[in-house]
Amino acid sequence: MKIMTGKVIDVAGWDVAAVIAEQRGLILFDLWSPTCAPCRALAPILDDLAADFVDELRICKVNVAVDEAIAKPFAARTLPTLALYRDGVEIDRVVGLKSRGHLTAWLESHL
């Protein structure tokens, strides 16, 4: 399953383990909930980052309130949580609302 770049993809109902295993390169999972104000504030930043890193990164949203089975393997205790994977392996994680500049520098450090 190839995930498109350039926009944030909602993976509700997907087999996230298969996405992680099959996807090559960087993939960022945004673990969020619609009741989480910092999560809602982060959404437009992630939209911008998806466009900025169109050739290097795929961004997927995981709504933990709707799909607990998908979210469970990520073991996120705080929202929002951003889990960064490369070639099927988690390489880093950021917890909480961060600025666009902070996230840009964080992602660039993994390119």
PDB file of N, CA and C in Angstrom:
ATOM      1  N   MET A   1       0.847  -1.169   0.000  1.00  0.00           N
ATOM      2  CA  MET A   1       0.000   0.000   0.000  1.00  0.00           C
ATOM      3  C   MET A   1       0.895   1.236   0.000  1.00  0.00           C
ATOM      4  N   LYS A   2       0.882   1.974  -1.049  1.00  0.00           N
ATOM      5  CA  LYS A   2       1.715   3.171  -1.188  1.00  0.00           C
ATOM      6  C   LYS A   2       0.926   4.383  -0.697  1.00  0.00           C
ATOM      7  N   ILE A   3       1.497   5.127   0.212  1.00  0.00           N
ATOM      8  CA  ILE A   3       0.845   6.315   0.747  1.00  0.00           C
ATOM      9  C   ILE A   3       1.322   7.527  -0.035  1.00  0.00           C
ATOM     10  N   MET A   4       0.374   8.330  -0.463  1.00  0.00           N
ATOM     11  CA  MET A   4       0.698   9.528  -1.236  1.00  0.00           C
ATOM     12  C   MET A   4       1.425  10.546  -0.369  1.00  0.00           C
ATOM     13  N   THR A   5       2.226  11.354  -1.019  1.00  0.00           N
ATOM     14  CA  THR A   5       2.899  12.441  -0.318  1.00  0.00           C
ATOM     15  C   THR A   5       2.194  13.743  -0.624  1.00  0.00           C
ATOM     16  N   GLY A   6       2.523  14.770   0.133  1.00  0.00           N
ATOM     17  CA  GLY A   6       1.996  16.102  -0.133  1.00  0.00           C
ATOM     18  C   GLY A   6       0.781  16.471   0.667  1.00  0.00           C
ATOM     19  N   LYS A   7       0.162  15.497   1.320  1.00  0.00           N
ATOM     20  CA  LYS A   7      -0.971  15.808   2.186  1.00  0.00           C
ATOM     21  C   LYS A   7      -1.006  14.812   3.332  1.00  0.00           C
ATOM     22  N   VAL A   8      -1.711  15.189   4.385  1.00  0.00           N
ATOM     23  CA  VAL A   8      -1.856  14.331   5.550  1.00  0.00           C
ATOM     24  C   VAL A   8      -2.967  13.317   5.247  1.00  0.00           C
ATOM     25  N   ILE A   9      -2.701  12.040   5.523  1.00  0.00           N
ATOM     26  CA  ILE A   9      -3.627  10.953   5.221  1.00  0.00           C
ATOM     27  C   ILE A   9      -4.254  10.436   6.514  1.00  0.00           C
ATOM     28  N   ASP A  10      -5.575  10.329   6.547  1.00  0.00           N
ATOM     29  CA  ASP A  10      -6.274   9.725   7.682  1.00  0.00           C
ATOM     30  C   ASP A  10      -6.265   8.213   7.470  1.00  0.00           C
ATOM     31  N   VAL A  11      -5.684   7.466   8.393  1.00  0.00           N
ATOM     32  CA  VAL A  11      -5.540   6.022   8.232  1.00  0.00           C
ATOM     33  C   VAL A  11      -6.574   5.232   9.043  1.00  0.00           C
ATOM     34  N   ALA A  12      -7.703   5.864   9.365  1.00  0.00           N
ATOM     35  CA  ALA A  12      -8.763   5.172  10.109  1.00  0.00           C
ATOM     36  C   ALA A  12      -9.167   3.905   9.362  1.00  0.00           C
ATOM     37  N   GLY A  13      -9.186   2.806  10.096  1.00  0.00           N
ATOM     38  CA  GLY A  13      -9.591   1.538   9.519  1.00  0.00           C
ATOM     39  C   GLY A  13      -8.504   0.805   8.744  1.00  0.00           C
ATOM     40  N   TRP A  14      -7.345   1.384   8.598  1.00  0.00           N
ATOM     41  CA  TRP A  14      -6.248   0.740   7.871  1.00  0.00           C
ATOM     42  C   TRP A  14      -5.519  -0.241   8.774  1.00  0.00           C
ATOM     43  N   ASP A  15      -4.777  -1.128   8.167  1.00  0.00           N
ATOM     44  CA  ASP A  15      -3.871  -2.014   8.885  1.00  0.00           C
ATOM     45  C   ASP A  15      -2.545  -1.261   9.032  1.00  0.00           C
ATOM     46  N   VAL A  16      -2.417  -0.530  10.133  1.00  0.00           N
ATOM     47  CA  VAL A  16      -1.255   0.344  10.321  1.00  0.00           C
ATOM     48  C   VAL A  16       0.037  -0.464  10.388  1.00  0.00           C
ATOM     49  N   ALA A  17      -0.023  -1.661  10.962  1.00  0.00           N
ATOM     50  CA  ALA A  17       1.189  -2.497  11.001  1.00  0.00           C
ATOM     51  C   ALA A  17       1.665  -2.803   9.586  1.00  0.00           C
ATOM     52  N   ALA A  18       0.733  -3.039   8.666  1.00  0.00           N
ATOM     53  CA  ALA A  18       1.107  -3.298   7.273  1.00  0.00           C
ATOM     54  C   ALA A  18       1.677  -2.046   6.625  1.00  0.00           C
ATOM     55  N   VAL A  19       1.089  -0.901   6.929  1.00  0.00           N
ATOM     56  CA  VAL A  19       1.606   0.360   6.388  1.00  0.00           C
ATOM     57  C   VAL A  19       3.048   0.558   6.840  1.00  0.00           C
ATOM     58  N   ILE A  20       3.295   0.354   8.126  1.00  0.00           N
ATOM     59  CA  ILE A  20       4.643   0.517   8.675  1.00  0.00           C
ATOM     60  C   ILE A  20       5.612  -0.458   8.009  1.00  0.00           C
ATOM     61  N   ALA A  21       5.198  -1.701   7.869  1.00  0.00           N
ATOM     62  CA  ALA A  21       6.078  -2.730   7.313  1.00  0.00           C
ATOM     63  C   ALA A  21       6.377  -2.510   5.831  1.00  0.00           C
ATOM     64  N   GLU A  22       5.394  -2.015   5.084  1.00  0.00           N
ATOM     65  CA  GLU A  22       5.532  -1.906   3.630  1.00  0.00           C
ATOM     66  C   GLU A  22       6.117  -0.583   3.158  1.00  0.00           C
ATOM     67  N   GLN A  23       5.966   0.459   3.935  1.00  0.00           N
ATOM     68  CA  GLN A  23       6.361   1.793   3.497  1.00  0.00           C
ATOM     69  C   GLN A  23       7.870   1.973   3.595  1.00  0.00           C
ATOM     70  N   ARG A  24       8.495   2.404   2.553  1.00  0.00           N
ATOM     71  CA  ARG A  24       9.928   2.716   2.560  1.00  0.00           C
ATOM     72  C   ARG A  24      10.095   4.217   2.770  1.00  0.00           C
ATOM     73  N   GLY A  25      11.180   4.590   3.392  1.00  0.00           N
ATOM     74  CA  GLY A  25      11.438   6.000   3.671  1.00  0.00           C
ATOM     75  C   GLY A  25      10.791   6.424   4.975  1.00  0.00           C
ATOM     76  N   LEU A  26      10.595   7.732   5.128  1.00  0.00           N
ATOM     77  CA  LEU A  26      10.060   8.291   6.373  1.00  0.00           C
ATOM     78  C   LEU A  26       8.544   8.358   6.345  1.00  0.00           C
ATOM     79  N   ILE A  27       7.953   7.937   7.449  1.00  0.00           N
ATOM     80  CA  ILE A  27       6.515   8.078   7.640  1.00  0.00           C
ATOM     81  C   ILE A  27       6.286   8.576   9.068  1.00  0.00           C
ATOM     82  N   LEU A  28       5.454   9.591   9.181  1.00  0.00           N
ATOM     83  CA  LEU A  28       5.160  10.218  10.470  1.00  0.00           C
ATOM     84  C   LEU A  28       3.716   9.925  10.836  1.00  0.00           C
ATOM     85  N   PHE A  29       3.506   9.365  12.022  1.00  0.00           N
ATOM     86  CA  PHE A  29       2.160   9.107  12.512  1.00  0.00           C
ATOM     87  C   PHE A  29       1.809  10.148  13.562  1.00  0.00           C
ATOM     88  N   ASP A  30       0.706  10.848  13.323  1.00  0.00           N
ATOM     89  CA  ASP A  30       0.175  11.833  14.255  1.00  0.00           C
ATOM     90  C   ASP A  30      -0.923  11.152  15.058  1.00  0.00           C
ATOM     91  N   LEU A  31      -0.654  10.873  16.320  1.00  0.00           N
ATOM     92  CA  LEU A  31      -1.645  10.277  17.210  1.00  0.00           C
ATOM     93  C   LEU A  31      -2.384  11.421  17.893  1.00  0.00           C
ATOM     94  N   TRP A  32      -3.678  11.497  17.631  1.00  0.00           N
ATOM     95  CA  TRP A  32      -4.447  12.670  18.037  1.00  0.00           C
ATOM     96  C   TRP A  32      -5.869  12.278  18.429  1.00  0.00           C
ATOM     97  N   SER A  33      -6.590  13.250  18.962  1.00  0.00           N
ATOM     98  CA  SER A  33      -8.007  13.089  19.279  1.00  0.00           C
ATOM     99  C   SER A  33      -8.697  14.429  19.005  1.00  0.00           C
ATOM    100  N   PRO A  34      -9.921  14.401  18.512  1.00  0.00           N
ATOM    101  CA  PRO A  34     -10.622  15.659  18.244  1.00  0.00           C
ATOM    102  C   PRO A  34     -10.943  16.464  19.505  1.00  0.00           C
ATOM    103  N   THR A  35     -10.902  15.838  20.673  1.00  0.00           N
ATOM    104  CA  THR A  35     -11.157  16.557  21.921  1.00  0.00           C
ATOM    105  C   THR A  35      -9.892  17.196  22.492  1.00  0.00           C
ATOM    106  N   CYS A  36      -8.772  16.999  21.842  1.00  0.00           N
ATOM    107  CA  CYS A  36      -7.471  17.497  22.300  1.00  0.00           C
ATOM    108  C   CYS A  36      -7.160  18.823  21.590  1.00  0.00           C
ATOM    109  N   ALA A  37      -7.198  19.929  22.344  1.00  0.00           N
ATOM    110  CA  ALA A  37      -6.943  21.242  21.747  1.00  0.00           C
ATOM    111  C   ALA A  37      -5.548  21.345  21.122  1.00  0.00           C
ATOM    112  N   PRO A  38      -4.486  20.874  21.773  1.00  0.00           N
ATOM    113  CA  PRO A  38      -3.172  20.930  21.126  1.00  0.00           C
ATOM    114  C   PRO A  38      -3.130  20.116  19.830  1.00  0.00           C
ATOM    115  N   CYS A  39      -3.869  19.014  19.788  1.00  0.00           N
ATOM    116  CA  CYS A  39      -3.930  18.204  18.565  1.00  0.00           C
ATOM    117  C   CYS A  39      -4.552  19.002  17.422  1.00  0.00           C
ATOM    118  N   ARG A  40      -5.627  19.701  17.726  1.00  0.00           N
ATOM    119  CA  ARG A  40      -6.290  20.522  16.692  1.00  0.00           C
ATOM    120  C   ARG A  40      -5.384  21.665  16.252  1.00  0.00           C
ATOM    121  N   ALA A  41      -4.613  22.233  17.168  1.00  0.00           N
ATOM    122  CA  ALA A  41      -3.688  23.310  16.825  1.00  0.00           C
ATOM    123  C   ALA A  41      -2.539  22.799  15.950  1.00  0.00           C
ATOM    124  N   LEU A  42      -2.163  21.554  16.132  1.00  0.00           N
ATOM    125  CA  LEU A  42      -1.066  20.957  15.371  1.00  0.00           C
ATOM    126  C   LEU A  42      -1.463  20.627  13.925  1.00  0.00           C
ATOM    127  N   ALA A  43      -2.736  20.385  13.683  1.00  0.00           N
ATOM    128  CA  ALA A  43      -3.207  19.930  12.361  1.00  0.00           C
ATOM    129  C   ALA A  43      -2.762  20.828  11.204  1.00  0.00           C
ATOM    130  N   PRO A  44      -2.934  22.151  11.269  1.00  0.00           N
ATOM    131  CA  PRO A  44      -2.489  22.964  10.126  1.00  0.00           C
ATOM    132  C   PRO A  44      -0.970  22.978   9.952  1.00  0.00           C
ATOM    133  N   ILE A  45      -0.238  22.810  11.034  1.00  0.00           N
ATOM    134  CA  ILE A  45       1.228  22.728  10.942  1.00  0.00           C
ATOM    135  C   ILE A  45       1.615  21.466  10.178  1.00  0.00           C
ATOM    136  N   LEU A  46       0.944  20.363  10.491  1.00  0.00           N
ATOM    137  CA  LEU A  46       1.239  19.109   9.789  1.00  0.00           C
ATOM    138  C   LEU A  46       0.855  19.190   8.313  1.00  0.00           C
ATOM    139  N   ASP A  47      -0.234  19.889   8.010  1.00  0.00           N
ATOM    140  CA  ASP A  47      -0.606  20.095   6.603  1.00  0.00           C
ATOM    141  C   ASP A  47       0.512  20.827   5.865  1.00  0.00           C
ATOM    142  N   ASP A  48       1.057  21.862   6.486  1.00  0.00           N
ATOM    143  CA  ASP A  48       2.161  22.619   5.888  1.00  0.00           C
ATOM    144  C   ASP A  48       3.404  21.745   5.721  1.00  0.00           C
ATOM    145  N   LEU A  49       3.715  20.944   6.746  1.00  0.00           N
ATOM    146  CA  LEU A  49       4.904  20.082   6.681  1.00  0.00           C
ATOM    147  C   LEU A  49       4.750  19.012   5.601  1.00  0.00           C
ATOM    148  N   ALA A  50       3.537  18.507   5.424  1.00  0.00           N
ATOM    149  CA  ALA A  50       3.308  17.520   4.369  1.00  0.00           C
ATOM    150  C   ALA A  50       3.641  18.110   3.001  1.00  0.00           C
ATOM    151  N   ALA A  51       3.289  19.380   2.804  1.00  0.00           N
ATOM    152  CA  ALA A  51       3.609  20.053   1.542  1.00  0.00           C
ATOM    153  C   ALA A  51       5.099  20.382   1.455  1.00  0.00           C
ATOM    154  N   ASP A  52       5.689  20.808   2.567  1.00  0.00           N
ATOM    155  CA  ASP A  52       7.110  21.174   2.580  1.00  0.00           C
ATOM    156  C   ASP A  52       8.025  19.975   2.329  1.00  0.00           C
ATOM    157  N   PHE A  53       7.642  18.811   2.843  1.00  0.00           N
ATOM    158  CA  PHE A  53       8.471  17.611   2.733  1.00  0.00           C
ATOM    159  C   PHE A  53       7.849  16.594   1.774  1.00  0.00           C
ATOM    160  N   VAL A  54       7.221  17.084   0.732  1.00  0.00           N
ATOM    161  CA  VAL A  54       6.455  16.240  -0.189  1.00  0.00           C
ATOM    162  C   VAL A  54       7.261  15.072  -0.746  1.00  0.00           C
ATOM    163  N   ASP A  55       8.536  15.244  -0.983  1.00  0.00           N
ATOM    164  CA  ASP A  55       9.353  14.180  -1.569  1.00  0.00           C
ATOM    165  C   ASP A  55      10.056  13.306  -0.532  1.00  0.00           C
ATOM    166  N   GLU A  56      10.029  13.695   0.726  1.00  0.00           N
ATOM    167  CA  GLU A  56      10.795  12.985   1.739  1.00  0.00           C
ATOM    168  C   GLU A  56       9.972  12.280   2.804  1.00  0.00           C
ATOM    169  N   LEU A  57       8.688  12.606   2.926  1.00  0.00           N
ATOM    170  CA  LEU A  57       7.935  12.200   4.102  1.00  0.00           C
ATOM    171  C   LEU A  57       6.471  11.954   3.772  1.00  0.00           C
ATOM    172  N   ARG A  58       5.893  10.971   4.433  1.00  0.00           N
ATOM    173  CA  ARG A  58       4.457  10.745   4.400  1.00  0.00           C
ATOM    174  C   ARG A  58       3.948  10.975   5.816  1.00  0.00           C
ATOM    175  N   ILE A  59       2.809  11.657   5.939  1.00  0.00           N
ATOM    176  CA  ILE A  59       2.224  11.937   7.247  1.00  0.00           C
ATOM    177  C   ILE A  59       0.850  11.285   7.321  1.00  0.00           C
ATOM    178  N   CYS A  60       0.634  10.509   8.392  1.00  0.00           N
ATOM    179  CA  CYS A  60      -0.625   9.804   8.603  1.00  0.00           C
ATOM    180  C   CYS A  60      -1.208  10.186   9.957  1.00  0.00           C
ATOM    181  N   LYS A  61      -2.519  10.424   9.985  1.00  0.00           N
ATOM    182  CA  LYS A  61      -3.221  10.737  11.226  1.00  0.00           C
ATOM    183  C   LYS A  61      -3.890   9.481  11.776  1.00  0.00           C
ATOM    184  N   VAL A  62      -3.737   9.275  13.083  1.00  0.00           N
ATOM    185  CA  VAL A  62      -4.373   8.161  13.778  1.00  0.00           C
ATOM    186  C   VAL A  62      -5.226   8.749  14.900  1.00  0.00           C
ATOM    187  N   ASN A  63      -6.549   8.719  14.728  1.00  0.00           N
ATOM    188  CA  ASN A  63      -7.472   9.237  15.733  1.00  0.00           C
ATOM    189  C   ASN A  63      -7.634   8.177  16.813  1.00  0.00           C
ATOM    190  N   VAL A  64      -6.993   8.392  17.957  1.00  0.00           N
ATOM    191  CA  VAL A  64      -6.998   7.391  19.027  1.00  0.00           C
ATOM    192  C   VAL A  64      -8.367   7.255  19.682  1.00  0.00           C
ATOM    193  N   ALA A  65      -9.223   8.266  19.555  1.00  0.00           N
ATOM    194  CA  ALA A  65     -10.561   8.201  20.133  1.00  0.00           C
ATOM    195  C   ALA A  65     -11.473   7.281  19.329  1.00  0.00           C
ATOM    196  N   VAL A  66     -11.224   7.162  18.049  1.00  0.00           N
ATOM    197  CA  VAL A  66     -12.069   6.365  17.168  1.00  0.00           C
ATOM    198  C   VAL A  66     -11.543   4.957  17.006  1.00  0.00           C
ATOM    199  N   ASP A  67     -10.245   4.824  16.902  1.00  0.00           N
ATOM    200  CA  ASP A  67      -9.667   3.535  16.549  1.00  0.00           C
ATOM    201  C   ASP A  67      -8.579   3.131  17.550  1.00  0.00           C
ATOM    202  N   GLU A  68      -9.019   2.704  18.732  1.00  0.00           N
ATOM    203  CA  GLU A  68      -8.078   2.345  19.792  1.00  0.00           C
ATOM    204  C   GLU A  68      -7.176   1.180  19.398  1.00  0.00           C
ATOM    205  N   ALA A  69      -7.684   0.252  18.601  1.00  0.00           N
ATOM    206  CA  ALA A  69      -6.878  -0.904  18.187  1.00  0.00           C
ATOM    207  C   ALA A  69      -5.693  -0.461  17.343  1.00  0.00           C
ATOM    208  N   ILE A  70      -5.894   0.541  16.486  1.00  0.00           N
ATOM    209  CA  ILE A  70      -4.797   1.060  15.675  1.00  0.00           C
ATOM    210  C   ILE A  70      -3.787   1.772  16.565  1.00  0.00           C
ATOM    211  N   ALA A  71      -4.270   2.542  17.514  1.00  0.00           N
ATOM    212  CA  ALA A  71      -3.395   3.362  18.349  1.00  0.00           C
ATOM    213  C   ALA A  71      -2.610   2.547  19.375  1.00  0.00           C
ATOM    214  N   LYS A  72      -3.138   1.408  19.799  1.00  0.00           N
ATOM    215  CA  LYS A  72      -2.523   0.640  20.885  1.00  0.00           C
ATOM    216  C   LYS A  72      -1.047   0.310  20.660  1.00  0.00           C
ATOM    217  N   PRO A  73      -0.638  -0.158  19.469  1.00  0.00           N
ATOM    218  CA  PRO A  73       0.782  -0.487  19.290  1.00  0.00           C
ATOM    219  C   PRO A  73       1.734   0.711  19.452  1.00  0.00           C
ATOM    220  N   PHE A  74       1.208   1.922  19.293  1.00  0.00           N
ATOM    221  CA  PHE A  74       2.058   3.106  19.438  1.00  0.00           C
ATOM    222  C   PHE A  74       2.320   3.446  20.902  1.00  0.00           C
ATOM    223  N   ALA A  75       1.486   2.946  21.806  1.00  0.00           N
ATOM    224  CA  ALA A  75       1.639   3.164  23.251  1.00  0.00           C
ATOM    225  C   ALA A  75       1.798   4.644  23.608  1.00  0.00           C
ATOM    226  N   ALA A  76       1.005   5.477  22.975  1.00  0.00           N
ATOM    227  CA  ALA A  76       1.056   6.920  23.267  1.00  0.00           C
ATOM    228  C   ALA A  76       0.286   7.197  24.552  1.00  0.00           C
ATOM    229  N   ARG A  77       0.938   7.860  25.477  1.00  0.00           N
ATOM    230  CA  ARG A  77       0.303   8.190  26.747  1.00  0.00           C
ATOM    231  C   ARG A  77      -0.141   9.646  26.798  1.00  0.00           C
ATOM    232  N   THR A  78       0.402  10.461  25.915  1.00  0.00           N
ATOM    233  CA  THR A  78       0.086  11.881  25.860  1.00  0.00           C
ATOM    234  C   THR A  78      -0.213  12.245  24.413  1.00  0.00           C
ATOM    235  N   LEU A  79      -1.165  13.151  24.237  1.00  0.00           N
ATOM    236  CA  LEU A  79      -1.504  13.631  22.895  1.00  0.00           C
ATOM    237  C   LEU A  79      -1.190  15.111  22.787  1.00  0.00           C
ATOM    238  N   PRO A  80      -0.816  15.545  21.613  1.00  0.00           N
ATOM    239  CA  PRO A  80      -0.487  14.735  20.449  1.00  0.00           C
ATOM    240  C   PRO A  80       0.877  14.061  20.604  1.00  0.00           C
ATOM    241  N   THR A  81       1.004  12.923  19.956  1.00  0.00           N
ATOM    242  CA  THR A  81       2.282  12.227  19.849  1.00  0.00           C
ATOM    243  C   THR A  81       2.591  12.048  18.376  1.00  0.00           C
ATOM    244  N   LEU A  82       3.805  12.396  17.990  1.00  0.00           N
ATOM    245  CA  LEU A  82       4.273  12.209  16.616  1.00  0.00           C
ATOM    246  C   LEU A  82       5.339  11.122  16.636  1.00  0.00           C
ATOM    247  N   ALA A  83       5.043  10.003  15.981  1.00  0.00           N
ATOM    248  CA  ALA A  83       5.972   8.868  15.926  1.00  0.00           C
ATOM    249  C   ALA A  83       6.552   8.794  14.517  1.00  0.00           C
ATOM    250  N   LEU A  84       7.872   8.885  14.419  1.00  0.00           N
ATOM    251  CA  LEU A  84       8.557   8.903  13.131  1.00  0.00           C
ATOM    252  C   LEU A  84       9.198   7.547  12.858  1.00  0.00           C
ATOM    253  N   TYR A  85       8.878   6.990  11.695  1.00  0.00           N
ATOM    254  CA  TYR A  85       9.391   5.679  11.286  1.00  0.00           C
ATOM    255  C   TYR A  85      10.222   5.805  10.021  1.00  0.00           C
ATOM    256  N   ARG A  86      11.243   4.975   9.926  1.00  0.00           N
ATOM    257  CA  ARG A  86      12.027   4.846   8.697  1.00  0.00           C
ATOM    258  C   ARG A  86      12.124   3.365   8.381  1.00  0.00           C
ATOM    259  N   ASP A  87      11.664   3.008   7.201  1.00  0.00           N
ATOM    260  CA  ASP A  87      11.751   1.626   6.724  1.00  0.00           C
ATOM    261  C   ASP A  87      11.228   0.628   7.754  1.00  0.00           C
ATOM    262  N   GLY A  88      10.095   0.942   8.380  1.00  0.00           N
ATOM    263  CA  GLY A  88       9.435   0.020   9.289  1.00  0.00           C
ATOM    264  C   GLY A  88       9.872   0.055  10.729  1.00  0.00           C
ATOM    265  N   VAL A  89      10.804   0.945  11.084  1.00  0.00           N
ATOM    266  CA  VAL A  89      11.326   1.010  12.450  1.00  0.00           C
ATOM    267  C   VAL A  89      11.123   2.419  13.010  1.00  0.00           C
ATOM    268  N   GLU A  90      10.584   2.499  14.228  1.00  0.00           N
ATOM    269  CA  GLU A  90      10.440   3.812  14.855  1.00  0.00           C
ATOM    270  C   GLU A  90      11.823   4.353  15.189  1.00  0.00           C
ATOM    271  N   ILE A  91      12.093   5.584  14.716  1.00  0.00           N
ATOM    272  CA  ILE A  91      13.409   6.182  14.943  1.00  0.00           C
ATOM    273  C   ILE A  91      13.366   7.356  15.906  1.00  0.00           C
ATOM    274  N   ASP A  92      12.185   7.947  16.098  1.00  0.00           N
ATOM    275  CA  ASP A  92      12.099   9.075  17.026  1.00  0.00           C
ATOM    276  C   ASP A  92      10.631   9.354  17.310  1.00  0.00           C
ATOM    277  N   ARG A  93      10.418  10.178  18.337  1.00  0.00           N
ATOM    278  CA  ARG A  93       9.065  10.516  18.762  1.00  0.00           C
ATOM    279  C   ARG A  93       9.090  11.899  19.392  1.00  0.00           C
ATOM    280  N   VAL A  94       8.050  12.674  19.138  1.00  0.00           N
ATOM    281  CA  VAL A  94       7.872  13.986  19.754  1.00  0.00           C
ATOM    282  C   VAL A  94       6.492  13.989  20.401  1.00  0.00           C
ATOM    283  N   VAL A  95       6.424  14.492  21.634  1.00  0.00           N
ATOM    284  CA  VAL A  95       5.171  14.522  22.370  1.00  0.00           C
ATOM    285  C   VAL A  95       4.806  15.969  22.671  1.00  0.00           C
ATOM    286  N   GLY A  96       3.533  16.298  22.462  1.00  0.00           N
ATOM    287  CA  GLY A  96       3.035  17.631  22.766  1.00  0.00           C
ATOM    288  C   GLY A  96       3.080  18.543  21.555  1.00  0.00           C
ATOM    289  N   LEU A  97       2.439  19.690  21.709  1.00  0.00           N
ATOM    290  CA  LEU A  97       2.384  20.683  20.643  1.00  0.00           C
ATOM    291  C   LEU A  97       3.741  21.357  20.487  1.00  0.00           C
ATOM    292  N   LYS A  98       4.263  21.352  19.283  1.00  0.00           N
ATOM    293  CA  LYS A  98       5.542  21.991  18.963  1.00  0.00           C
ATOM    294  C   LYS A  98       5.316  22.977  17.817  1.00  0.00           C
ATOM    295  N   SER A  99       6.190  23.946  17.713  1.00  0.00           N
ATOM    296  CA  SER A  99       6.077  24.943  16.646  1.00  0.00           C
ATOM    297  C   SER A  99       6.475  24.333  15.302  1.00  0.00           C
ATOM    298  N   ARG A 100       6.069  25.001  14.253  1.00  0.00           N
ATOM    299  CA  ARG A 100       6.452  24.555  12.914  1.00  0.00           C
ATOM    300  C   ARG A 100       7.973  24.538  12.765  1.00  0.00           C
ATOM    301  N   GLY A 101       8.637  25.562  13.291  1.00  0.00           N
ATOM    302  CA  GLY A 101      10.095  25.627  13.213  1.00  0.00           C
ATOM    303  C   GLY A 101      10.757  24.465  13.933  1.00  0.00           C
ATOM    304  N   HIS A 102      10.256  24.151  15.110  1.00  0.00           N
ATOM    305  CA  HIS A 102      10.800  23.025  15.876  1.00  0.00           C
ATOM    306  C   HIS A 102      10.632  21.730  15.101  1.00  0.00           C
ATOM    307  N   LEU A 103       9.440  21.491  14.563  1.00  0.00           N
ATOM    308  CA  LEU A 103       9.171  20.247  13.841  1.00  0.00           C
ATOM    309  C   LEU A 103       9.946  20.173  12.534  1.00  0.00           C
ATOM    310  N   THR A 104      10.113  21.300  11.879  1.00  0.00           N
ATOM    311  CA  THR A 104      10.907  21.323  10.642  1.00  0.00           C
ATOM    312  C   THR A 104      12.347  20.911  10.942  1.00  0.00           C
ATOM    313  N   ALA A 105      12.934  21.495  11.975  1.00  0.00           N
ATOM    314  CA  ALA A 105      14.312  21.148  12.349  1.00  0.00           C
ATOM    315  C   ALA A 105      14.405  19.684  12.758  1.00  0.00           C
ATOM    316  N   TRP A 106      13.419  19.199  13.493  1.00  0.00           N
ATOM    317  CA  TRP A 106      13.395  17.803  13.930  1.00  0.00           C
ATOM    318  C   TRP A 106      13.360  16.869  12.726  1.00  0.00           C
ATOM    319  N   LEU A 107      12.473  17.150  11.788  1.00  0.00           N
ATOM    320  CA  LEU A 107      12.374  16.298  10.583  1.00  0.00           C
ATOM    321  C   LEU A 107      13.638  16.379   9.736  1.00  0.00           C
ATOM    322  N   GLU A 108      14.179  17.581   9.567  1.00  0.00           N
ATOM    323  CA  GLU A 108      15.411  17.734   8.767  1.00  0.00           C
ATOM    324  C   GLU A 108      16.573  16.952   9.377  1.00  0.00           C
ATOM    325  N   SER A 109      16.576  16.809  10.696  1.00  0.00           N
ATOM    326  CA  SER A 109      17.660  16.062  11.352  1.00  0.00           C
ATOM    327  C   SER A 109      17.595  14.569  11.021  1.00  0.00           C
ATOM    328  N   HIS A 110      16.479  14.115  10.490  1.00  0.00           N
ATOM    329  CA  HIS A 110      16.303  12.697  10.160  1.00  0.00           C
ATOM    330  C   HIS A 110      16.335  12.417   8.653  1.00  0.00           C
ATOM    331  N   LEU A 111      16.567  13.441   7.869  1.00  0.00           N
ATOM    332  CA  LEU A 111      16.616  13.225   6.414  1.00  0.00           C
ATOM    333  C   LEU A 111      17.955  12.677   5.987  1.00  0.00           C
TER     334      LEU A 111
END
